[in-house]
């Protein structure tokens, strides 16, 4: 079953990831990508750019566009993993391994369920 692991970030995490968490962050993602590639569970993964990101809303007065990726919260989507795993328990186990999960949620959702 395919699951989307959506990784949220915070400004605090981004600052720490660029300094004291940089090595741990890189080891965690590189290791997980190698493992998931070897097992055949990795479908796709991407970091999402904050450059040129926009938030679009519509209402009776028209289209409203603001600079993104920030919405009404302190958290923003930083990237994702699309995995094809045996079930929700495996997807949750993978999500818990992200360093980012200490600072913001990692959302796990089944695709096309």
PDB file of N, CA and C in Angstrom:
ATOM      1  N   UNK A   1       0.845  -1.175   0.000  1.00  0.00           N
ATOM      2  CA  UNK A   1       0.000   0.000   0.000  1.00  0.00           C
ATOM      3  C   UNK A   1       0.893   1.241   0.000  1.00  0.00           C
ATOM      4  N   UNK A   2       0.499   2.243  -0.751  1.00  0.00           N
ATOM      5  CA  UNK A   2       1.286   3.464  -0.833  1.00  0.00           C
ATOM      6  C   UNK A   2       0.849   4.471   0.225  1.00  0.00           C
ATOM      7  N   UNK A   3       1.867   5.078   0.844  1.00  0.00           N
ATOM      8  CA  UNK A   3       1.649   6.107   1.852  1.00  0.00           C
ATOM      9  C   UNK A   3       2.494   7.320   1.525  1.00  0.00           C
ATOM     10  N   UNK A   4       1.941   8.497   1.791  1.00  0.00           N
ATOM     11  CA  UNK A   4       2.685   9.737   1.665  1.00  0.00           C
ATOM     12  C   UNK A   4       3.087  10.179   3.061  1.00  0.00           C
ATOM     13  N   UNK A   5       4.394  10.321   3.276  1.00  0.00           N
ATOM     14  CA  UNK A   5       4.922  10.823   4.538  1.00  0.00           C
ATOM     15  C   UNK A   5       5.270  12.288   4.299  1.00  0.00           C
ATOM     16  N   UNK A   6       4.457  13.189   4.814  1.00  0.00           N
ATOM     17  CA  UNK A   6       4.644  14.619   4.611  1.00  0.00           C
ATOM     18  C   UNK A   6       5.404  15.179   5.797  1.00  0.00           C
ATOM     19  N   UNK A   7       6.558  15.759   5.524  1.00  0.00           N
ATOM     20  CA  UNK A   7       7.453  16.241   6.574  1.00  0.00           C
ATOM     21  C   UNK A   7       7.260  17.743   6.738  1.00  0.00           C
ATOM     22  N   UNK A   8       6.825  18.144   7.921  1.00  0.00           N
ATOM     23  CA  UNK A   8       6.664  19.559   8.225  1.00  0.00           C
ATOM     24  C   UNK A   8       7.941  20.076   8.881  1.00  0.00           C
ATOM     25  N   UNK A   9       8.226  21.355   8.668  1.00  0.00           N
ATOM     26  CA  UNK A   9       9.373  22.009   9.268  1.00  0.00           C
ATOM     27  C   UNK A   9       8.925  23.237  10.025  1.00  0.00           C
ATOM     28  N   UNK A  10       9.797  23.711  10.889  1.00  0.00           N
ATOM     29  CA  UNK A  10       9.610  24.985  11.581  1.00  0.00           C
ATOM     30  C   UNK A  10      10.877  25.806  11.370  1.00  0.00           C
ATOM     31  N   UNK A  11      10.782  27.098  11.597  1.00  0.00           N
ATOM     32  CA  UNK A  11      11.978  27.943  11.495  1.00  0.00           C
ATOM     33  C   UNK A  11      13.057  27.468  12.459  1.00  0.00           C
ATOM     34  N   UNK A  12      12.645  27.047  13.657  1.00  0.00           N
ATOM     35  CA  UNK A  12      13.620  26.552  14.641  1.00  0.00           C
ATOM     36  C   UNK A  12      14.373  25.346  14.085  1.00  0.00           C
ATOM     37  N   UNK A  13      13.639  24.415  13.488  1.00  0.00           N
ATOM     38  CA  UNK A  13      14.306  23.240  12.941  1.00  0.00           C
ATOM     39  C   UNK A  13      15.259  23.623  11.820  1.00  0.00           C
ATOM     40  N   UNK A  14      14.832  24.483  10.897  1.00  0.00           N
ATOM     41  CA  UNK A  14      15.684  24.867   9.773  1.00  0.00           C
ATOM     42  C   UNK A  14      16.978  25.490  10.284  1.00  0.00           C
ATOM     43  N   UNK A  15      16.885  26.363  11.281  1.00  0.00           N
ATOM     44  CA  UNK A  15      18.077  26.977  11.860  1.00  0.00           C
ATOM     45  C   UNK A  15      18.992  25.925  12.462  1.00  0.00           C
ATOM     46  N   UNK A  16      18.429  25.005  13.229  1.00  0.00           N
ATOM     47  CA  UNK A  16      19.241  23.962  13.869  1.00  0.00           C
ATOM     48  C   UNK A  16      19.756  22.958  12.853  1.00  0.00           C
ATOM     49  N   UNK A  17      18.991  22.683  11.801  1.00  0.00           N
ATOM     50  CA  UNK A  17      19.428  21.744  10.777  1.00  0.00           C
ATOM     51  C   UNK A  17      20.648  22.290  10.047  1.00  0.00           C
ATOM     52  N   UNK A  18      20.755  23.595   9.943  1.00  0.00           N
ATOM     53  CA  UNK A  18      21.898  24.206   9.271  1.00  0.00           C
ATOM     54  C   UNK A  18      23.121  24.291  10.180  1.00  0.00           C
ATOM     55  N   UNK A  19      22.950  24.000  11.465  1.00  0.00           N
ATOM     56  CA  UNK A  19      24.079  24.096  12.399  1.00  0.00           C
ATOM     57  C   UNK A  19      24.284  22.763  13.115  1.00  0.00           C
ATOM     58  N   UNK A  20      23.785  22.642  14.335  1.00  0.00           N
ATOM     59  CA  UNK A  20      24.110  21.482  15.172  1.00  0.00           C
ATOM     60  C   UNK A  20      23.427  20.176  14.783  1.00  0.00           C
ATOM     61  N   UNK A  21      22.385  20.206  13.956  1.00  0.00           N
ATOM     62  CA  UNK A  21      21.716  18.963  13.536  1.00  0.00           C
ATOM     63  C   UNK A  21      22.064  18.554  12.105  1.00  0.00           C
ATOM     64  N   UNK A  22      22.932  19.304  11.450  1.00  0.00           N
ATOM     65  CA  UNK A  22      23.217  19.064  10.030  1.00  0.00           C
ATOM     66  C   UNK A  22      23.705  17.644   9.759  1.00  0.00           C
ATOM     67  N   UNK A  23      24.692  17.180  10.499  1.00  0.00           N
ATOM     68  CA  UNK A  23      25.236  15.836  10.269  1.00  0.00           C
ATOM     69  C   UNK A  23      24.204  14.751  10.553  1.00  0.00           C
ATOM     70  N   UNK A  24      23.478  14.891  11.661  1.00  0.00           N
ATOM     71  CA  UNK A  24      22.447  13.901  12.004  1.00  0.00           C
ATOM     72  C   UNK A  24      21.342  13.875  10.947  1.00  0.00           C
ATOM     73  N   UNK A  25      20.929  15.046  10.505  1.00  0.00           N
ATOM     74  CA  UNK A  25      19.896  15.170   9.476  1.00  0.00           C
ATOM     75  C   UNK A  25      20.327  14.454   8.195  1.00  0.00           C
ATOM     76  N   UNK A  26      21.550  14.742   7.728  1.00  0.00           N
ATOM     77  CA  UNK A  26      22.037  14.135   6.489  1.00  0.00           C
ATOM     78  C   UNK A  26      22.192  12.625   6.629  1.00  0.00           C
ATOM     79  N   UNK A  27      22.739  12.153   7.760  1.00  0.00           N
ATOM     80  CA  UNK A  27      22.877  10.705   7.977  1.00  0.00           C
ATOM     81  C   UNK A  27      21.523  10.020   7.985  1.00  0.00           C
ATOM     82  N   UNK A  28      20.555  10.625   8.669  1.00  0.00           N
ATOM     83  CA  UNK A  28      19.226  10.014   8.790  1.00  0.00           C
ATOM     84  C   UNK A  28      18.564   9.876   7.417  1.00  0.00           C
ATOM     85  N   UNK A  29      18.562  10.936   6.636  1.00  0.00           N
ATOM     86  CA  UNK A  29      17.896  10.882   5.331  1.00  0.00           C
ATOM     87  C   UNK A  29      18.652  10.003   4.341  1.00  0.00           C
ATOM     88  N   UNK A  30      19.964  10.118   4.306  1.00  0.00           N
ATOM     89  CA  UNK A  30      20.739   9.281   3.386  1.00  0.00           C
ATOM     90  C   UNK A  30      20.581   7.800   3.732  1.00  0.00           C
ATOM     91  N   UNK A  31      20.624   7.481   5.024  1.00  0.00           N
ATOM     92  CA  UNK A  31      20.456   6.092   5.451  1.00  0.00           C
ATOM     93  C   UNK A  31      19.077   5.562   5.123  1.00  0.00           C
ATOM     94  N   UNK A  32      18.064   6.357   5.385  1.00  0.00           N
ATOM     95  CA  UNK A  32      16.694   5.930   5.108  1.00  0.00           C
ATOM     96  C   UNK A  32      16.477   5.758   3.604  1.00  0.00           C
ATOM     97  N   UNK A  33      17.014   6.666   2.806  1.00  0.00           N
ATOM     98  CA  UNK A  33      16.867   6.538   1.357  1.00  0.00           C
ATOM     99  C   UNK A  33      17.569   5.285   0.836  1.00  0.00           C
ATOM    100  N   UNK A  34      18.752   4.985   1.346  1.00  0.00           N
ATOM    101  CA  UNK A  34      19.455   3.752   0.933  1.00  0.00           C
ATOM    102  C   UNK A  34      18.644   2.517   1.308  1.00  0.00           C
ATOM    103  N   UNK A  35      18.139   2.496   2.564  1.00  0.00           N
ATOM    104  CA  UNK A  35      17.360   1.353   3.045  1.00  0.00           C
ATOM    105  C   UNK A  35      16.103   1.139   2.217  1.00  0.00           C
ATOM    106  N   UNK A  36      15.360   2.214   1.982  1.00  0.00           N
ATOM    107  CA  UNK A  36      14.100   2.102   1.252  1.00  0.00           C
ATOM    108  C   UNK A  36      14.312   1.782  -0.228  1.00  0.00           C
ATOM    109  N   UNK A  37      15.399   2.259  -0.790  1.00  0.00           N
ATOM    110  CA  UNK A  37      15.729   1.916  -2.174  1.00  0.00           C
ATOM    111  C   UNK A  37      16.079   0.434  -2.270  1.00  0.00           C
ATOM    112  N   UNK A  38      16.896  -0.047  -1.336  1.00  0.00           N
ATOM    113  CA  UNK A  38      17.302  -1.457  -1.339  1.00  0.00           C
ATOM    114  C   UNK A  38      16.112  -2.394  -1.138  1.00  0.00           C
ATOM    115  N   UNK A  39      15.159  -1.979  -0.301  1.00  0.00           N
ATOM    116  CA  UNK A  39      14.002  -2.837  -0.026  1.00  0.00           C
ATOM    117  C   UNK A  39      12.913  -2.706  -1.087  1.00  0.00           C
ATOM    118  N   UNK A  40      13.045  -1.707  -1.970  1.00  0.00           N
ATOM    119  CA  UNK A  40      12.030  -1.474  -2.995  1.00  0.00           C
ATOM    120  C   UNK A  40      10.828  -0.696  -2.479  1.00  0.00           C
ATOM    121  N   UNK A  41      10.908  -0.156  -1.279  1.00  0.00           N
ATOM    122  CA  UNK A  41       9.768   0.561  -0.695  1.00  0.00           C
ATOM    123  C   UNK A  41       9.710   2.039  -1.088  1.00  0.00           C
ATOM    124  N   UNK A  42      10.821   2.610  -1.561  1.00  0.00           N
ATOM    125  CA  UNK A  42      10.833   4.029  -1.912  1.00  0.00           C
ATOM    126  C   UNK A  42      10.270   4.225  -3.312  1.00  0.00           C
ATOM    127  N   UNK A  43       9.215   5.023  -3.408  1.00  0.00           N
ATOM    128  CA  UNK A  43       8.641   5.372  -4.701  1.00  0.00           C
ATOM    129  C   UNK A  43       9.222   6.709  -5.159  1.00  0.00           C
ATOM    130  N   UNK A  44       9.259   7.700  -4.259  1.00  0.00           N
ATOM    131  CA  UNK A  44       9.773   9.029  -4.593  1.00  0.00           C
ATOM    132  C   UNK A  44      10.021   9.794  -3.308  1.00  0.00           C
ATOM    133  N   UNK A  45      10.936  10.733  -3.352  1.00  0.00           N
ATOM    134  CA  UNK A  45      11.153  11.661  -2.252  1.00  0.00           C
ATOM    135  C   UNK A  45      11.683  12.957  -2.820  1.00  0.00           C
ATOM    136  N   UNK A  46      11.256  14.068  -2.262  1.00  0.00           N
ATOM    137  CA  UNK A  46      11.719  15.379  -2.707  1.00  0.00           C
ATOM    138  C   UNK A  46      11.699  16.348  -1.540  1.00  0.00           C
ATOM    139  N   UNK A  47      12.688  17.220  -1.534  1.00  0.00           N
ATOM    140  CA  UNK A  47      12.635  18.389  -0.667  1.00  0.00           C
ATOM    141  C   UNK A  47      11.839  19.431  -1.435  1.00  0.00           C
ATOM    142  N   UNK A  48      10.999  20.172  -0.756  1.00  0.00           N
ATOM    143  CA  UNK A  48      10.183  21.181  -1.424  1.00  0.00           C
ATOM    144  C   UNK A  48      10.807  22.554  -1.230  1.00  0.00           C
ATOM    145  N   UNK A  49      10.926  23.295  -2.304  1.00  0.00           N
ATOM    146  CA  UNK A  49      11.555  24.601  -2.281  1.00  0.00           C
ATOM    147  C   UNK A  49      10.662  25.628  -1.594  1.00  0.00           C
ATOM    148  N   UNK A  50      11.283  26.545  -0.874  1.00  0.00           N
ATOM    149  CA  UNK A  50      10.531  27.665  -0.315  1.00  0.00           C
ATOM    150  C   UNK A  50      10.622  28.878  -1.240  1.00  0.00           C
ATOM    151  N   UNK A  51      11.547  28.825  -2.204  1.00  0.00           N
ATOM    152  CA  UNK A  51      11.679  29.888  -3.191  1.00  0.00           C
ATOM    153  C   UNK A  51      10.530  29.753  -4.182  1.00  0.00           C
ATOM    154  N   UNK A  52       9.897  30.853  -4.491  1.00  0.00           N
ATOM    155  CA  UNK A  52       8.779  30.889  -5.436  1.00  0.00           C
ATOM    156  C   UNK A  52       7.540  30.125  -4.960  1.00  0.00           C
ATOM    157  N   UNK A  53       7.457  29.795  -3.684  1.00  0.00           N
ATOM    158  CA  UNK A  53       6.258  29.142  -3.161  1.00  0.00           C
ATOM    159  C   UNK A  53       5.173  30.199  -2.940  1.00  0.00           C
ATOM    160  N   UNK A  54       3.931  29.802  -3.156  1.00  0.00           N
ATOM    161  CA  UNK A  54       2.797  30.705  -2.958  1.00  0.00           C
ATOM    162  C   UNK A  54       1.666  29.955  -2.272  1.00  0.00           C
ATOM    163  N   UNK A  55       0.883  30.707  -1.515  1.00  0.00           N
ATOM    164  CA  UNK A  55      -0.340  30.189  -0.923  1.00  0.00           C
ATOM    165  C   UNK A  55      -1.487  30.879  -1.649  1.00  0.00           C
ATOM    166  N   UNK A  56      -2.401  30.079  -2.185  1.00  0.00           N
ATOM    167  CA  UNK A  56      -3.505  30.611  -2.976  1.00  0.00           C
ATOM    168  C   UNK A  56      -4.823  30.291  -2.284  1.00  0.00           C
ATOM    169  N   UNK A  57      -5.641  31.322  -2.128  1.00  0.00           N
ATOM    170  CA  UNK A  57      -6.982  31.159  -1.559  1.00  0.00           C
ATOM    171  C   UNK A  57      -7.956  31.909  -2.461  1.00  0.00           C
ATOM    172  N   UNK A  58      -9.187  31.429  -2.490  1.00  0.00           N
ATOM    173  CA  UNK A  58     -10.221  32.134  -3.240  1.00  0.00           C
ATOM    174  C   UNK A  58     -11.421  32.379  -2.339  1.00  0.00           C
ATOM    175  N   UNK A  59     -12.118  33.446  -2.634  1.00  0.00           N
ATOM    176  CA  UNK A  59     -13.378  33.725  -1.951  1.00  0.00           C
ATOM    177  C   UNK A  59     -14.244  34.534  -2.912  1.00  0.00           C
ATOM    178  N   UNK A  60     -15.345  35.078  -2.425  1.00  0.00           N
ATOM    179  CA  UNK A  60     -16.271  35.823  -3.282  1.00  0.00           C
ATOM    180  C   UNK A  60     -15.627  37.058  -3.901  1.00  0.00           C
ATOM    181  N   UNK A  61     -14.520  37.521  -3.334  1.00  0.00           N
ATOM    182  CA  UNK A  61     -13.848  38.727  -3.821  1.00  0.00           C
ATOM    183  C   UNK A  61     -12.717  38.412  -4.795  1.00  0.00           C
ATOM    184  N   UNK A  62     -12.449  37.153  -5.047  1.00  0.00           N
ATOM    185  CA  UNK A  62     -11.429  36.801  -6.030  1.00  0.00           C
ATOM    186  C   UNK A  62     -10.353  35.882  -5.484  1.00  0.00           C
ATOM    187  N   UNK A  63      -9.226  35.933  -6.148  1.00  0.00           N
ATOM    188  CA  UNK A  63      -8.081  35.096  -5.814  1.00  0.00           C
ATOM    189  C   UNK A  63      -7.113  35.915  -4.964  1.00  0.00           C
ATOM    190  N   UNK A  64      -6.626  35.320  -3.877  1.00  0.00           N
ATOM    191  CA  UNK A  64      -5.682  35.974  -2.980  1.00  0.00           C
ATOM    192  C   UNK A  64      -4.417  35.126  -2.927  1.00  0.00           C
ATOM    193  N   UNK A  65      -3.307  35.738  -3.287  1.00  0.00           N
ATOM    194  CA  UNK A  65      -2.034  35.025  -3.343  1.00  0.00           C
ATOM    195  C   UNK A  65      -1.063  35.699  -2.387  1.00  0.00           C
ATOM    196  N   UNK A  66      -0.447  34.894  -1.530  1.00  0.00           N
ATOM    197  CA  UNK A  66       0.585  35.399  -0.624  1.00  0.00           C
ATOM    198  C   UNK A  66       1.840  34.560  -0.803  1.00  0.00           C
ATOM    199  N   UNK A  67       2.958  35.116  -0.393  1.00  0.00           N
ATOM    200  CA  UNK A  67       4.191  34.352  -0.441  1.00  0.00           C
ATOM    201  C   UNK A  67       4.061  33.155   0.475  1.00  0.00           C
ATOM    202  N   UNK A  68       4.538  32.040   0.011  1.00  0.00           N
ATOM    203  CA  UNK A  68       4.482  30.821   0.802  1.00  0.00           C
ATOM    204  C   UNK A  68       5.877  30.371   1.107  1.00  0.00           C
ATOM    205  N   UNK A  69       6.010  29.218   1.672  1.00  0.00           N
ATOM    206  CA  UNK A  69       5.010  28.175   1.816  1.00  0.00           C
ATOM    207  C   UNK A  69       4.190  28.322   3.081  1.00  0.00           C
ATOM    208  N   UNK A  70       4.337  29.431   3.786  1.00  0.00           N
ATOM    209  CA  UNK A  70       3.706  29.584   5.083  1.00  0.00           C
ATOM    210  C   UNK A  70       2.219  29.865   4.946  1.00  0.00           C
ATOM    211  N   UNK A  71       1.436  29.173   5.747  1.00  0.00           N
ATOM    212  CA  UNK A  71       0.002  29.441   5.812  1.00  0.00           C
ATOM    213  C   UNK A  71      -0.248  30.129   7.145  1.00  0.00           C
ATOM    214  N   UNK A  72      -1.261  29.744   7.851  1.00  0.00           N
ATOM    215  CA  UNK A  72      -1.602  30.378   9.117  1.00  0.00           C
ATOM    216  C   UNK A  72      -0.883  29.759  10.309  1.00  0.00           C
ATOM    217  N   UNK A  73       0.108  28.932  10.072  1.00  0.00           N
ATOM    218  CA  UNK A  73       0.773  28.273  11.184  1.00  0.00           C
ATOM    219  C   UNK A  73       2.266  28.519  11.116  1.00  0.00           C
ATOM    220  N   UNK A  74       2.973  28.049  12.139  1.00  0.00           N
ATOM    221  CA  UNK A  74       4.418  28.169  12.193  1.00  0.00           C
ATOM    222  C   UNK A  74       5.096  27.034  11.442  1.00  0.00           C
ATOM    223  N   UNK A  75       4.332  26.041  11.032  1.00  0.00           N
ATOM    224  CA  UNK A  75       4.878  24.878  10.353  1.00  0.00           C
ATOM    225  C   UNK A  75       4.635  24.982   8.853  1.00  0.00           C
ATOM    226  N   UNK A  76       5.546  24.430   8.076  1.00  0.00           N
ATOM    227  CA  UNK A  76       5.380  24.404   6.634  1.00  0.00           C
ATOM    228  C   UNK A  76       5.905  23.073   6.113  1.00  0.00           C
ATOM    229  N   UNK A  77       5.389  22.654   4.984  1.00  0.00           N
ATOM    230  CA  UNK A  77       5.805  21.388   4.401  1.00  0.00           C
ATOM    231  C   UNK A  77       7.197  21.574   3.818  1.00  0.00           C
ATOM    232  N   UNK A  78       8.129  20.733   4.284  1.00  0.00           N
ATOM    233  CA  UNK A  78       9.505  20.831   3.830  1.00  0.00           C
ATOM    234  C   UNK A  78       9.867  19.778   2.803  1.00  0.00           C
ATOM    235  N   UNK A  79       9.121  18.689   2.773  1.00  0.00           N
ATOM    236  CA  UNK A  79       9.416  17.621   1.825  1.00  0.00           C
ATOM    237  C   UNK A  79       8.496  16.442   2.051  1.00  0.00           C
ATOM    238  N   UNK A  80       8.737  15.403   1.276  1.00  0.00           N
ATOM    239  CA  UNK A  80       7.882  14.221   1.415  1.00  0.00           C
ATOM    240  C   UNK A  80       8.637  12.978   0.994  1.00  0.00           C
ATOM    241  N   UNK A  81       8.136  11.855   1.425  1.00  0.00           N
ATOM    242  CA  UNK A  81       8.538  10.536   0.949  1.00  0.00           C
ATOM    243  C   UNK A  81       7.264   9.840   0.517  1.00  0.00           C
ATOM    244  N   UNK A  82       7.270   9.261  -0.655  1.00  0.00           N
ATOM    245  CA  UNK A  82       6.189   8.408  -1.110  1.00  0.00           C
ATOM    246  C   UNK A  82       6.731   6.985  -1.041  1.00  0.00           C
ATOM    247  N   UNK A  83       6.123   6.179  -0.206  1.00  0.00           N
ATOM    248  CA  UNK A  83       6.619   4.822   0.021  1.00  0.00           C
ATOM    249  C   UNK A  83       5.534   3.811  -0.297  1.00  0.00           C
ATOM    250  N   UNK A  84       5.956   2.626  -0.645  1.00  0.00           N
ATOM    251  CA  UNK A  84       5.042   1.515  -0.904  1.00  0.00           C
ATOM    252  C   UNK A  84       5.428   0.427   0.089  1.00  0.00           C
ATOM    253  N   UNK A  85       4.693   0.365   1.189  1.00  0.00           N
ATOM    254  CA  UNK A  85       5.047  -0.501   2.314  1.00  0.00           C
ATOM    255  C   UNK A  85       3.899  -1.447   2.654  1.00  0.00           C
ATOM    256  N   UNK A  86       4.163  -2.348   3.582  1.00  0.00           N
ATOM    257  CA  UNK A  86       3.189  -3.394   3.916  1.00  0.00           C
ATOM    258  C   UNK A  86       1.936  -2.868   4.613  1.00  0.00           C
ATOM    259  N   UNK A  87       2.030  -1.730   5.284  1.00  0.00           N
ATOM    260  CA  UNK A  87       0.859  -1.214   5.972  1.00  0.00           C
ATOM    261  C   UNK A  87       1.176   0.015   6.802  1.00  0.00           C
ATOM    262  N   UNK A  88       0.168   0.486   7.512  1.00  0.00           N
ATOM    263  CA  UNK A  88       0.270   1.718   8.290  1.00  0.00           C
ATOM    264  C   UNK A  88       1.345   1.629   9.368  1.00  0.00           C
ATOM    265  N   UNK A  89       1.518   0.481   9.978  1.00  0.00           N
ATOM    266  CA  UNK A  89       2.527   0.355  11.036  1.00  0.00           C
ATOM    267  C   UNK A  89       3.929   0.622  10.501  1.00  0.00           C
ATOM    268  N   UNK A  90       4.238   0.089   9.319  1.00  0.00           N
ATOM    269  CA  UNK A  90       5.556   0.330   8.714  1.00  0.00           C
ATOM    270  C   UNK A  90       5.694   1.800   8.337  1.00  0.00           C
ATOM    271  N   UNK A  91       4.659   2.412   7.802  1.00  0.00           N
ATOM    272  CA  UNK A  91       4.712   3.825   7.429  1.00  0.00           C
ATOM    273  C   UNK A  91       4.952   4.706   8.660  1.00  0.00           C
ATOM    274  N   UNK A  92       4.294   4.403   9.759  1.00  0.00           N
ATOM    275  CA  UNK A  92       4.479   5.157  11.001  1.00  0.00           C
ATOM    276  C   UNK A  92       5.893   4.960  11.532  1.00  0.00           C
ATOM    277  N   UNK A  93       6.394   3.733  11.462  1.00  0.00           N
ATOM    278  CA  UNK A  93       7.759   3.454  11.930  1.00  0.00           C
ATOM    279  C   UNK A  93       8.763   4.291  11.141  1.00  0.00           C
ATOM    280  N   UNK A  94       8.571   4.421   9.850  1.00  0.00           N
ATOM    281  CA  UNK A  94       9.467   5.233   9.029  1.00  0.00           C
ATOM    282  C   UNK A  94       9.350   6.711   9.391  1.00  0.00           C
ATOM    283  N   UNK A  95       8.133   7.207   9.542  1.00  0.00           N
ATOM    284  CA  UNK A  95       7.913   8.615   9.873  1.00  0.00           C
ATOM    285  C   UNK A  95       8.575   8.994  11.191  1.00  0.00           C
ATOM    286  N   UNK A  96       8.593   8.089  12.137  1.00  0.00           N
ATOM    287  CA  UNK A  96       9.181   8.366  13.451  1.00  0.00           C
ATOM    288  C   UNK A  96      10.697   8.494  13.385  1.00  0.00           C
ATOM    289  N   UNK A  97      11.307   8.088  12.301  1.00  0.00           N
ATOM    290  CA  UNK A  97      12.760   8.137  12.176  1.00  0.00           C
ATOM    291  C   UNK A  97      13.291   9.473  11.660  1.00  0.00           C
ATOM    292  N   UNK A  98      12.412  10.361  11.232  1.00  0.00           N
ATOM    293  CA  UNK A  98      12.857  11.665  10.747  1.00  0.00           C
ATOM    294  C   UNK A  98      13.242  12.567  11.909  1.00  0.00           C
ATOM    295  N   UNK A  99      14.386  13.219  11.788  1.00  0.00           N
ATOM    296  CA  UNK A  99      14.832  14.188  12.802  1.00  0.00           C
ATOM    297  C   UNK A  99      13.783  15.278  12.962  1.00  0.00           C
ATOM    298  N   UNK A 100      13.153  15.653  11.869  1.00  0.00           N
ATOM    299  CA  UNK A 100      12.155  16.726  11.886  1.00  0.00           C
ATOM    300  C   UNK A 100      10.989  16.433  12.822  1.00  0.00           C
ATOM    301  N   UNK A 101      10.709  15.163  13.078  1.00  0.00           N
ATOM    302  CA  UNK A 101       9.569  14.798  13.926  1.00  0.00           C
ATOM    303  C   UNK A 101       9.723  15.311  15.349  1.00  0.00           C
ATOM    304  N   UNK A 102      10.930  15.700  15.738  1.00  0.00           N
ATOM    305  CA  UNK A 102      11.139  16.300  17.068  1.00  0.00           C
ATOM    306  C   UNK A 102      10.630  17.728  17.133  1.00  0.00           C
ATOM    307  N   UNK A 103      10.446  18.366  15.983  1.00  0.00           N
ATOM    308  CA  UNK A 103      10.116  19.784  15.937  1.00  0.00           C
ATOM    309  C   UNK A 103       8.731  20.078  15.375  1.00  0.00           C
ATOM    310  N   UNK A 104       8.243  19.200  14.515  1.00  0.00           N
ATOM    311  CA  UNK A 104       6.951  19.405  13.851  1.00  0.00           C
ATOM    312  C   UNK A 104       6.433  18.040  13.414  1.00  0.00           C
ATOM    313  N   UNK A 105       5.163  17.954  13.070  1.00  0.00           N
ATOM    314  CA  UNK A 105       4.610  16.650  12.708  1.00  0.00           C
ATOM    315  C   UNK A 105       5.125  16.107  11.381  1.00  0.00           C
ATOM    316  N   UNK A 106       5.093  14.797  11.290  1.00  0.00           N
ATOM    317  CA  UNK A 106       5.262  14.106  10.021  1.00  0.00           C
ATOM    318  C   UNK A 106       3.941  13.389   9.808  1.00  0.00           C
ATOM    319  N   UNK A 107       3.224  13.786   8.795  1.00  0.00           N
ATOM    320  CA  UNK A 107       1.892  13.263   8.532  1.00  0.00           C
ATOM    321  C   UNK A 107       1.988  12.001   7.661  1.00  0.00           C
ATOM    322  N   UNK A 108       1.239  10.984   8.033  1.00  0.00           N
ATOM    323  CA  UNK A 108       1.206   9.716   7.288  1.00  0.00           C
ATOM    324  C   UNK A 108      -0.193   9.535   6.730  1.00  0.00           C
ATOM    325  N   UNK A 109      -0.283   9.414   5.395  1.00  0.00           N
ATOM    326  CA  UNK A 109      -1.595   9.242   4.776  1.00  0.00           C
ATOM    327  C   UNK A 109      -1.525   8.213   3.680  1.00  0.00           C
ATOM    328  N   UNK A 110      -2.526   7.346   3.647  1.00  0.00           N
ATOM    329  CA  UNK A 110      -2.641   6.351   2.583  1.00  0.00           C
ATOM    330  C   UNK A 110      -3.097   7.048   1.308  1.00  0.00           C
ATOM    331  N   UNK A 111      -2.581   6.612   0.174  1.00  0.00           N
ATOM    332  CA  UNK A 111      -2.994   7.144  -1.119  1.00  0.00           C
ATOM    333  C   UNK A 111      -4.103   6.279  -1.690  1.00  0.00           C
ATOM    334  N   UNK A 112      -5.139   6.909  -2.169  1.00  0.00           N
ATOM    335  CA  UNK A 112      -6.211   6.235  -2.866  1.00  0.00           C
ATOM    336  C   UNK A 112      -6.933   5.151  -2.067  1.00  0.00           C
ATOM    337  N   UNK A 113      -6.969   5.324  -0.771  1.00  0.00           N
ATOM    338  CA  UNK A 113      -7.590   4.302   0.077  1.00  0.00           C
ATOM    339  C   UNK A 113      -9.085   4.315  -0.022  1.00  0.00           C
TER     340      UNK A 113
END
